C-alpha atoms as a PDB file:
ATOM      1  CA  MET A   1      10.875 -22.999  18.932  1.00  0.00           C
ATOM      2  CA  ASN A   2       9.755 -24.997  15.882  1.00  0.00           C
ATOM      3  CA  ARG A   3      11.059 -24.242  12.413  1.00  0.00           C
ATOM      4  CA  LYS A   4       7.913 -22.431  11.273  1.00  0.00           C
ATOM      5  CA  ASN A   5       7.869 -20.050  14.213  1.00  0.00           C
ATOM      6  CA  PHE A   6      11.617 -19.549  13.989  1.00  0.00           C
ATOM      7  CA  LEU A   7      11.315 -18.589  10.332  1.00  0.00           C
ATOM      8  CA  LYS A   8       8.496 -16.172  11.062  1.00  0.00           C
ATOM      9  CA  THR A   9      10.363 -14.530  13.913  1.00  0.00           C
ATOM     10  CA  SER A  10      13.531 -14.238  11.846  1.00  0.00           C
ATOM     11  CA  LEU A  11      11.729 -12.628   8.949  1.00  0.00           C
ATOM     12  CA  SER A  12       9.692 -10.213  11.008  1.00  0.00           C
ATOM     13  CA  ILE A  13      12.508  -9.061  13.297  1.00  0.00           C
ATOM     14  CA  ILE A  14      15.770  -9.576  11.409  1.00  0.00           C
ATOM     15  CA  GLY A  15      14.852 -10.297   7.829  1.00  0.00           C
ATOM     16  CA  VAL A  16      13.358  -6.935   6.938  1.00  0.00           C
ATOM     17  CA  SER A  17      16.601  -5.118   7.708  1.00  0.00           C
ATOM     18  CA  ILE A  18      18.507  -7.673   5.602  1.00  0.00           C
ATOM     19  CA  TRP A  19      16.077  -7.158   2.729  1.00  0.00           C
ATOM     20  CA  SER A  20      16.561  -3.409   2.999  1.00  0.00           C
ATOM     21  CA  GLU A  21      20.344  -3.711   2.936  1.00  0.00           C
ATOM     22  CA  SER A  22      20.260  -5.963  -0.104  1.00  0.00           C
ATOM     23  CA  TYR A  23      18.376  -3.343  -2.114  1.00  0.00           C
ATOM     24  CA  GLN A  24      19.652  -0.106  -0.631  1.00  0.00           C
ATOM     25  CA  ASN A  25      22.183   0.588  -3.386  1.00  0.00           C
ATOM     26  CA  LYS A  26      19.653   0.324  -6.201  1.00  0.00           C
ATOM     27  CA  ASP A  27      18.641   3.501  -7.980  1.00  0.00           C
ATOM     28  CA  TYR A  28      14.922   4.171  -8.099  1.00  0.00           C
ATOM     29  CA  PRO A  29      14.198   6.936 -10.629  1.00  0.00           C
ATOM     30  CA  THR A  30      11.876   9.707  -9.535  1.00  0.00           C
ATOM     31  CA  SER A  31       9.488   8.853 -12.358  1.00  0.00           C
ATOM     32  CA  ILE A  32       9.067   5.307 -11.009  1.00  0.00           C
ATOM     33  CA  LEU A  33       8.578   6.494  -7.432  1.00  0.00           C
ATOM     34  CA  LEU A  34       5.846   8.901  -8.546  1.00  0.00           C
ATOM     35  CA  GLY A  35       4.006   6.410 -10.734  1.00  0.00           C
ATOM     36  CA  LYS A  36       4.998   8.231 -13.917  1.00  0.00           C
ATOM     37  CA  GLY A  37       7.462   5.688 -15.246  1.00  0.00           C
ATOM     38  CA  ASN A  38       7.182   2.381 -17.065  1.00  0.00           C
ATOM     39  CA  PRO A  39       8.074  -0.304 -14.492  1.00  0.00           C
ATOM     40  CA  LYS A  40       8.760  -3.868 -15.584  1.00  0.00           C
ATOM     41  CA  LEU A  41       5.870  -5.779 -14.096  1.00  0.00           C
ATOM     42  CA  TYR A  42       5.446  -9.516 -13.605  1.00  0.00           C
ATOM     43  CA  SER A  43       2.492  -9.667 -16.008  1.00  0.00           C
ATOM     44  CA  THR A  44      -0.693  -7.878 -17.040  1.00  0.00           C
ATOM     45  CA  ASP A  45      -2.700 -10.124 -14.725  1.00  0.00           C
ATOM     46  CA  LEU A  46      -0.185  -9.716 -11.890  1.00  0.00           C
ATOM     47  CA  PRO A  47       0.820  -6.034 -11.983  1.00  0.00           C
ATOM     48  CA  LEU A  48       3.680  -6.130  -9.486  1.00  0.00           C
ATOM     49  CA  LEU A  49       7.412  -5.765  -9.968  1.00  0.00           C
ATOM     50  CA  LYS A  50       8.846  -9.113 -10.987  1.00  0.00           C
ATOM     51  CA  LYS A  51      10.455 -10.035  -7.653  1.00  0.00           C
ATOM     52  CA  ALA A  52       7.270  -9.090  -5.829  1.00  0.00           C
ATOM     53  CA  GLY A  53       5.254 -11.053  -8.367  1.00  0.00           C
ATOM     54  CA  PHE A  54       7.256 -14.242  -7.845  1.00  0.00           C
ATOM     55  CA  ALA A  55       6.866 -13.906  -4.058  1.00  0.00           C
ATOM     56  CA  PHE A  56       3.151 -13.266  -4.434  1.00  0.00           C
ATOM     57  CA  LYS A  57       2.668 -16.389  -6.550  1.00  0.00           C
ATOM     58  CA  GLU A  58       4.355 -18.479  -3.875  1.00  0.00           C
ATOM     59  CA  MET A  59       2.122 -16.994  -1.197  1.00  0.00           C
ATOM     60  CA  GLN A  60      -0.928 -17.500  -3.371  1.00  0.00           C
ATOM     61  CA  ARG A  61      -0.101 -21.190  -3.892  1.00  0.00           C
ATOM     62  CA  ALA A  62       0.416 -21.754  -0.166  1.00  0.00           C
ATOM     63  CA  ALA A  63      -2.910 -20.110   0.678  1.00  0.00           C
ATOM     64  CA  PHE A  64      -4.712 -22.147  -1.959  1.00  0.00           C
ATOM     65  CA  LYS A  65      -3.702 -25.324  -0.145  1.00  0.00           C
ATOM     66  CA  GLU A  66      -5.658 -23.965   2.823  1.00  0.00           C
ATOM     67  CA  GLY A  67      -8.769 -23.285   0.755  1.00  0.00           C
ATOM     68  CA  ILE A  68      -8.046 -19.568   0.262  1.00  0.00           C
ATOM     69  CA  GLU A  69      -7.923 -18.032  -3.206  1.00  0.00           C
ATOM     70  CA  ILE A  70      -5.943 -14.825  -2.790  1.00  0.00           C
ATOM     71  CA  GLU A  71      -7.081 -12.449  -5.499  1.00  0.00           C
ATOM     72  CA  ILE A  72      -5.728  -9.006  -6.336  1.00  0.00           C
ATOM     73  CA  VAL A  73      -8.223  -6.169  -6.453  1.00  0.00           C
ATOM     74  CA  SER A  74      -5.572  -3.523  -7.064  1.00  0.00           C
ATOM     75  CA  ALA A  75      -1.792  -3.605  -7.452  1.00  0.00           C
ATOM     76  CA  TYR A  76       0.324  -1.237  -9.569  1.00  0.00           C
ATOM     77  CA  ARG A  77      -1.426   2.080 -10.058  1.00  0.00           C
ATOM     78  CA  SER A  78      -0.081   4.923 -12.192  1.00  0.00           C
ATOM     79  CA  PHE A  79       0.022   8.593 -11.225  1.00  0.00           C
ATOM     80  CA  ASP A  80      -2.725   9.367 -13.745  1.00  0.00           C
ATOM     81  CA  ARG A  81      -4.948   6.619 -12.385  1.00  0.00           C
ATOM     82  CA  GLN A  82      -4.485   7.906  -8.833  1.00  0.00           C
ATOM     83  CA  LYS A  83      -5.182  11.446  -9.999  1.00  0.00           C
ATOM     84  CA  ARG A  84      -8.484  10.356 -11.543  1.00  0.00           C
ATOM     85  CA  ILE A  85      -9.462   8.704  -8.246  1.00  0.00           C
ATOM     86  CA  TRP A  86      -8.499  11.839  -6.313  1.00  0.00           C
ATOM     87  CA  ASN A  87     -10.322  14.248  -8.617  1.00  0.00           C
ATOM     88  CA  ARG A  88     -13.471  12.108  -8.669  1.00  0.00           C
ATOM     89  CA  LYS A  89     -13.620  12.033  -4.874  1.00  0.00           C
ATOM     90  CA  TYR A  90     -12.778  15.723  -4.558  1.00  0.00           C
ATOM     91  CA  LEU A  91     -15.559  16.799  -6.914  1.00  0.00           C
ATOM     92  CA  ALA A  92     -18.068  14.475  -5.228  1.00  0.00           C
ATOM     93  CA  ASN A  93     -17.200  15.885  -1.803  1.00  0.00           C
ATOM     94  CA  GLN A  94     -17.374  19.411  -3.182  1.00  0.00           C
ATOM     95  CA  LYS A  95     -20.942  18.804  -4.339  1.00  0.00           C
ATOM     96  CA  MET A  96     -21.789  17.765  -0.779  1.00  0.00           C
ATOM     97  CA  GLY A  97     -20.602  21.137   0.464  1.00  0.00           C
ATOM     98  CA  LEU A  98     -17.210  20.303   1.930  1.00  0.00           C
ATOM     99  CA  ILE A  99     -14.753  23.196   1.942  1.00  0.00           C
ATOM    100  CA  PRO A 100     -11.316  22.405   0.431  1.00  0.00           C
ATOM    101  CA  GLU A 101      -9.544  21.625   3.718  1.00  0.00           C
ATOM    102  CA  GLU A 102     -12.373  19.329   4.870  1.00  0.00           C
ATOM    103  CA  ASN A 103     -12.511  17.777   1.420  1.00  0.00           C
ATOM    104  CA  ILE A 104      -8.813  16.891   1.395  1.00  0.00           C
ATOM    105  CA  ASP A 105      -8.903  15.523   4.949  1.00  0.00           C
ATOM    106  CA  LYS A 106     -11.891  13.351   3.999  1.00  0.00           C
ATOM    107  CA  ILE A 107     -10.140  11.904   0.954  1.00  0.00           C
ATOM    108  CA  ILE A 108      -6.941  11.041   2.810  1.00  0.00           C
ATOM    109  CA  GLU A 109      -8.770   8.841   5.257  1.00  0.00           C
ATOM    110  CA  TYR A 110      -8.173   6.070   2.710  1.00  0.00           C
ATOM    111  CA  SER A 111      -6.894   7.562  -0.571  1.00  0.00           C
ATOM    112  CA  THR A 112      -3.501   9.073  -1.267  1.00  0.00           C
ATOM    113  CA  LEU A 113      -2.444  12.173  -3.087  1.00  0.00           C
ATOM    114  CA  PRO A 114      -1.299  11.191  -6.588  1.00  0.00           C
ATOM    115  CA  GLY A 115       2.447  10.871  -6.521  1.00  0.00           C
ATOM    116  CA  THR A 116       2.449   9.543  -2.949  1.00  0.00           C
ATOM    117  CA  SER A 117       0.713   6.178  -3.295  1.00  0.00           C
ATOM    118  CA  ARG A 118       2.620   3.023  -2.403  1.00  0.00           C
ATOM    119  CA  HIS A 119       0.727   1.447  -5.297  1.00  0.00           C
ATOM    120  CA  HIS A 120       2.887   3.535  -7.659  1.00  0.00           C
ATOM    121  CA  TRP A 121       5.871   1.355  -6.763  1.00  0.00           C
ATOM    122  CA  GLY A 122       4.605  -2.019  -7.986  1.00  0.00           C
ATOM    123  CA  THR A 123       5.109  -3.457  -4.499  1.00  0.00           C
ATOM    124  CA  ASP A 124       1.652  -3.144  -2.974  1.00  0.00           C
ATOM    125  CA  VAL A 125      -1.566  -5.104  -3.343  1.00  0.00           C
ATOM    126  CA  ASP A 126      -5.169  -4.943  -2.165  1.00  0.00           C
ATOM    127  CA  LEU A 127      -6.456  -8.473  -1.634  1.00  0.00           C
ATOM    128  CA  ILE A 128      -9.667 -10.446  -1.245  1.00  0.00           C
ATOM    129  CA  ASP A 129     -10.541 -14.138  -1.152  1.00  0.00           C
ATOM    130  CA  GLY A 130     -11.651 -14.870  -4.703  1.00  0.00           C
ATOM    131  CA  SER A 131     -13.482 -18.019  -3.633  1.00  0.00           C
ATOM    132  CA  LYS A 132     -16.175 -15.892  -1.994  1.00  0.00           C
ATOM    133  CA  ILE A 133     -19.119 -14.267  -3.725  1.00  0.00           C
ATOM    134  CA  LYS A 134     -18.340 -10.703  -4.794  1.00  0.00           C
ATOM    135  CA  ASP A 135     -21.161  -8.623  -3.368  1.00  0.00           C
ATOM    136  CA  GLY A 136     -21.112  -4.825  -3.459  1.00  0.00           C
ATOM    137  CA  GLU A 137     -18.015  -2.901  -2.399  1.00  0.00           C
ATOM    138  CA  LEU A 138     -15.220  -5.360  -1.672  1.00  0.00           C
ATOM    139  CA  LEU A 139     -12.706  -3.437   0.398  1.00  0.00           C
ATOM    140  CA  LEU A 140     -14.718  -2.797   3.540  1.00  0.00           C
ATOM    141  CA  THR A 141     -13.255  -3.438   6.981  1.00  0.00           C
ATOM    142  CA  GLU A 142     -16.334  -5.338   8.143  1.00  0.00           C
ATOM    143  CA  LYS A 143     -15.813  -7.920   5.395  1.00  0.00           C
ATOM    144  CA  PHE A 144     -12.496  -8.868   7.001  1.00  0.00           C
ATOM    145  CA  HIS A 145     -13.825  -9.184  10.547  1.00  0.00           C
ATOM    146  CA  GLY A 146     -16.709 -10.781  12.434  1.00  0.00           C
ATOM    147  CA  LYS A 147     -18.628 -13.006  10.046  1.00  0.00           C
ATOM    148  CA  GLY A 148     -17.272 -11.320   6.933  1.00  0.00           C
ATOM    149  CA  PRO A 149     -16.307 -13.394   3.872  1.00  0.00           C
ATOM    150  CA  TYR A 150     -12.602 -12.553   4.067  1.00  0.00           C
ATOM    151  CA  VAL A 151     -11.951 -13.341   7.729  1.00  0.00           C
ATOM    152  CA  LYS A 152     -10.195 -16.638   7.008  1.00  0.00           C
ATOM    153  CA  MET A 153      -7.908 -14.972   4.478  1.00  0.00           C
ATOM    154  CA  ARG A 154      -7.128 -12.087   6.837  1.00  0.00           C
ATOM    155  CA  LYS A 155      -6.125 -14.459   9.624  1.00  0.00           C
ATOM    156  CA  TRP A 156      -4.014 -16.554   7.266  1.00  0.00           C
ATOM    157  CA  LEU A 157      -2.204 -13.488   5.953  1.00  0.00           C
ATOM    158  CA  GLU A 158      -1.583 -12.168   9.455  1.00  0.00           C
ATOM    159  CA  GLU A 159       0.046 -15.496  10.258  1.00  0.00           C
ATOM    160  CA  ASN A 160       1.899 -16.184   7.027  1.00  0.00           C
ATOM    161  CA  ALA A 161       2.337 -13.174   4.722  1.00  0.00           C
ATOM    162  CA  VAL A 162       5.627 -12.108   6.308  1.00  0.00           C
ATOM    163  CA  ASN A 163       7.117 -15.479   5.326  1.00  0.00           C
ATOM    164  CA  TYR A 164       6.837 -14.323   1.707  1.00  0.00           C
ATOM    165  CA  GLY A 165       8.037 -10.777   2.332  1.00  0.00           C
ATOM    166  CA  PHE A 166       4.636  -9.087   2.605  1.00  0.00           C
ATOM    167  CA  ILE A 167       3.742  -6.732   5.470  1.00  0.00           C
ATOM    168  CA  ARG A 168       0.526  -4.819   6.070  1.00  0.00           C
ATOM    169  CA  PRO A 169       1.303  -1.061   6.045  1.00  0.00           C
ATOM    170  CA  TYR A 170      -1.876   0.322   7.588  1.00  0.00           C
ATOM    171  CA  THR A 171      -2.419  -1.609  10.783  1.00  0.00           C
ATOM    172  CA  ASP A 172      -5.108  -1.224  13.437  1.00  0.00           C
ATOM    173  CA  ASP A 173      -2.565   0.095  15.950  1.00  0.00           C
ATOM    174  CA  ILE A 174      -4.363   2.898  17.806  1.00  0.00           C
ATOM    175  CA  ASN A 175      -1.076   4.822  18.078  1.00  0.00           C
ATOM    176  CA  ARG A 176      -0.550   4.889  14.322  1.00  0.00           C
ATOM    177  CA  LYS A 177      -1.575   8.072  12.508  1.00  0.00           C
ATOM    178  CA  GLY A 178      -2.467   8.662   8.883  1.00  0.00           C
ATOM    179  CA  PHE A 179      -4.585   6.447   6.669  1.00  0.00           C
ATOM    180  CA  TYR A 180      -7.284   4.348   8.247  1.00  0.00           C
ATOM    181  CA  TYR A 181      -6.772   0.653   8.947  1.00  0.00           C
ATOM    182  CA  GLU A 182      -6.723  -1.462   5.757  1.00  0.00           C
ATOM    183  CA  PRO A 183      -6.774  -5.214   6.428  1.00  0.00           C
ATOM    184  CA  TRP A 184      -6.639  -5.881   2.676  1.00  0.00           C
ATOM    185  CA  HIS A 185      -3.438  -3.979   1.885  1.00  0.00           C
ATOM    186  CA  TYR A 186       0.006  -5.635   1.838  1.00  0.00           C
ATOM    187  CA  SER A 187       3.410  -4.372   0.755  1.00  0.00           C
ATOM    188  CA  TYR A 188       6.404  -6.361  -0.508  1.00  0.00           C
ATOM    189  CA  ALA A 189       8.982  -5.222   2.036  1.00  0.00           C
ATOM    190  CA  PRO A 190      12.250  -6.210   0.266  1.00  0.00           C
ATOM    191  CA  ILE A 191      11.642  -3.548  -2.384  1.00  0.00           C
ATOM    192  CA  ALA A 192       9.196  -1.191  -0.664  1.00  0.00           C
ATOM    193  CA  ILE A 193      11.618  -0.399   2.176  1.00  0.00           C
ATOM    194  CA  PRO A 194      14.443   1.000   0.008  1.00  0.00           C
ATOM    195  CA  MET A 195      11.912   2.654  -2.282  1.00  0.00           C
ATOM    196  CA  LEU A 196      10.464   4.541   0.673  1.00  0.00           C
ATOM    197  CA  LYS A 197      13.939   5.562   1.781  1.00  0.00           C
ATOM    198  CA  ARG A 198      14.654   6.980  -1.663  1.00  0.00           C
ATOM    199  CA  TYR A 199      11.206   8.567  -1.874  1.00  0.00           C
ATOM    200  CA  LEU A 200      11.742  10.533   1.329  1.00  0.00           C
ATOM    201  CA  GLU A 201      14.651  12.322  -0.328  1.00  0.00           C
ATOM    202  CA  LEU A 202      12.309  13.945  -2.875  1.00  0.00           C
ATOM    203  CA  ASN A 203      10.899  17.476  -2.672  1.00  0.00           C
ATOM    204  CA  LEU A 204       7.234  16.641  -2.233  1.00  0.00           C
ATOM    205  CA  LYS A 205       5.851  20.144  -2.767  1.00  0.00           C
ATOM    206  CA  SER A 206       7.514  20.724  -6.121  1.00  0.00           C
ATOM    207  CA  LEU A 207       6.716  17.240  -7.400  1.00  0.00           C
ATOM    208  CA  LEU A 208       3.020  17.342  -6.518  1.00  0.00           C
ATOM    209  CA  SER A 209       2.349  20.662  -8.216  1.00  0.00           C
ATOM    210  CA  THR A 210      -0.003  19.982 -11.110  1.00  0.00           C
ATOM    211  CA  GLN A 211      -2.626  22.024 -12.924  1.00  0.00           C
ATOM    212  CA  ASP A 212      -4.986  19.071 -13.145  1.00  0.00           C
ATOM    213  CA  LEU A 213      -5.147  18.131  -9.457  1.00  0.00           C
ATOM    214  CA  GLU A 214      -8.301  19.286  -7.717  1.00  0.00           C
ATOM    215  CA  GLY A 215      -7.567  21.182  -4.500  1.00  0.00           C
ATOM    216  CA  SER A 216      -3.849  21.500  -5.247  1.00  0.00           C
ATOM    217  CA  ASP A 217      -3.905  25.190  -4.239  1.00  0.00           C
ATOM    218  CA  HIS A 218      -4.666  24.081  -0.693  1.00  0.00           C
ATOM    219  CA  LEU A 219      -1.679  21.744  -0.322  1.00  0.00           C
ATOM    220  CA  SER A 220       0.233  24.106   1.935  1.00  0.00           C
ATOM    221  CA  PRO A 221       3.742  23.395   3.246  1.00  0.00           C
ATOM    222  CA  THR A 222       2.204  22.836   6.686  1.00  0.00           C
ATOM    223  CA  PHE A 223      -0.277  20.305   5.313  1.00  0.00           C
ATOM    224  CA  LEU A 224       2.397  18.471   3.303  1.00  0.00           C
ATOM    225  CA  ALA A 225       4.706  18.262   6.321  1.00  0.00           C
ATOM    226  CA  ARG A 226       1.890  16.698   8.340  1.00  0.00           C
ATOM    227  CA  TYR A 227       0.928  14.422   5.448  1.00  0.00           C
ATOM    228  CA  ARG A 228       4.517  13.201   5.186  1.00  0.00           C
ATOM    229  CA  GLU A 229       4.773  12.337   8.873  1.00  0.00           C
ATOM    230  CA  GLU A 230       1.287  10.916   9.384  1.00  0.00           C
ATOM    231  CA  ASN A 231       0.304   9.413   6.044  1.00  0.00           C
ATOM    232  CA  ILE A 232       3.497   8.511   4.217  1.00  0.00           C
ATOM    233  CA  LEU A 233       5.270   7.447   7.417  1.00  0.00           C
ATOM    234  CA  GLY A 234       2.181   6.288   9.303  1.00  0.00           C
ATOM    235  CA  ILE A 235       2.919   2.665   8.479  1.00  0.00           C
ATOM    236  CA  ALA A 236       3.937  -0.540  10.231  1.00  0.00           C
ATOM    237  CA  LYS A 237       7.378  -0.389  11.858  1.00  0.00           C
ATOM    238  CA  GLY A 238       8.561  -3.325   9.753  1.00  0.00           C
ATOM    239  CA  LEU A 239       8.307  -1.160   6.628  1.00  0.00           C
ATOM    240  CA  LYS A 240      10.526   1.588   8.035  1.00  0.00           C
ATOM    241  CA  SER A 241      13.646  -0.504   8.644  1.00  0.00           C
ATOM    242  CA  PHE A 242      16.283   1.900   7.393  1.00  0.00           C
END
């Protein structure tokens, strides 16, 4: 096995558990996990936690050598920002006649409940190839497959992202439940793994209660239990190494 393949295998099979162990004793305040805190980000232009930001810059430089300009569409996202996204979609679906349960199920095909987004953690990014013309909605699956503009970037990331600590959470594995496949979304595993572990210790029902969240009256214990197992934990195995 050559050095490149050995490195990739080591990172994808062994490295993630090592990353998790190295961060497992850190304390992640509830406010940070819910997107309500004030995390120390790499920069305004690179809104990731500093360690994730440094790793991202290295990955970005490597991709650039291959003619790919990795560009962030979305990274850190606050609770309030996620709530605005949720409420906008909920009200739009309501106008189309969807009842609350249908409305919520429609939203969580791609969007998270505020307070549950991995983007709250400063570890996750939505990516495109900035060298391509930006035409219409950017984060569409078809743009990452077939003759889409981001195919080259997708293939490069699938081959190399793990070398920099990034893993795609929402894969196209037919056995995975929860959010739909997102070829643009990557998570910085060394921090995201222990953050998830800490997050799962929280009381989701009490923390998500908010007067300003559309449809919150319909977030039953049964729904939240399913949401936890299918959406929060419906991620790539490499991001659940604890």
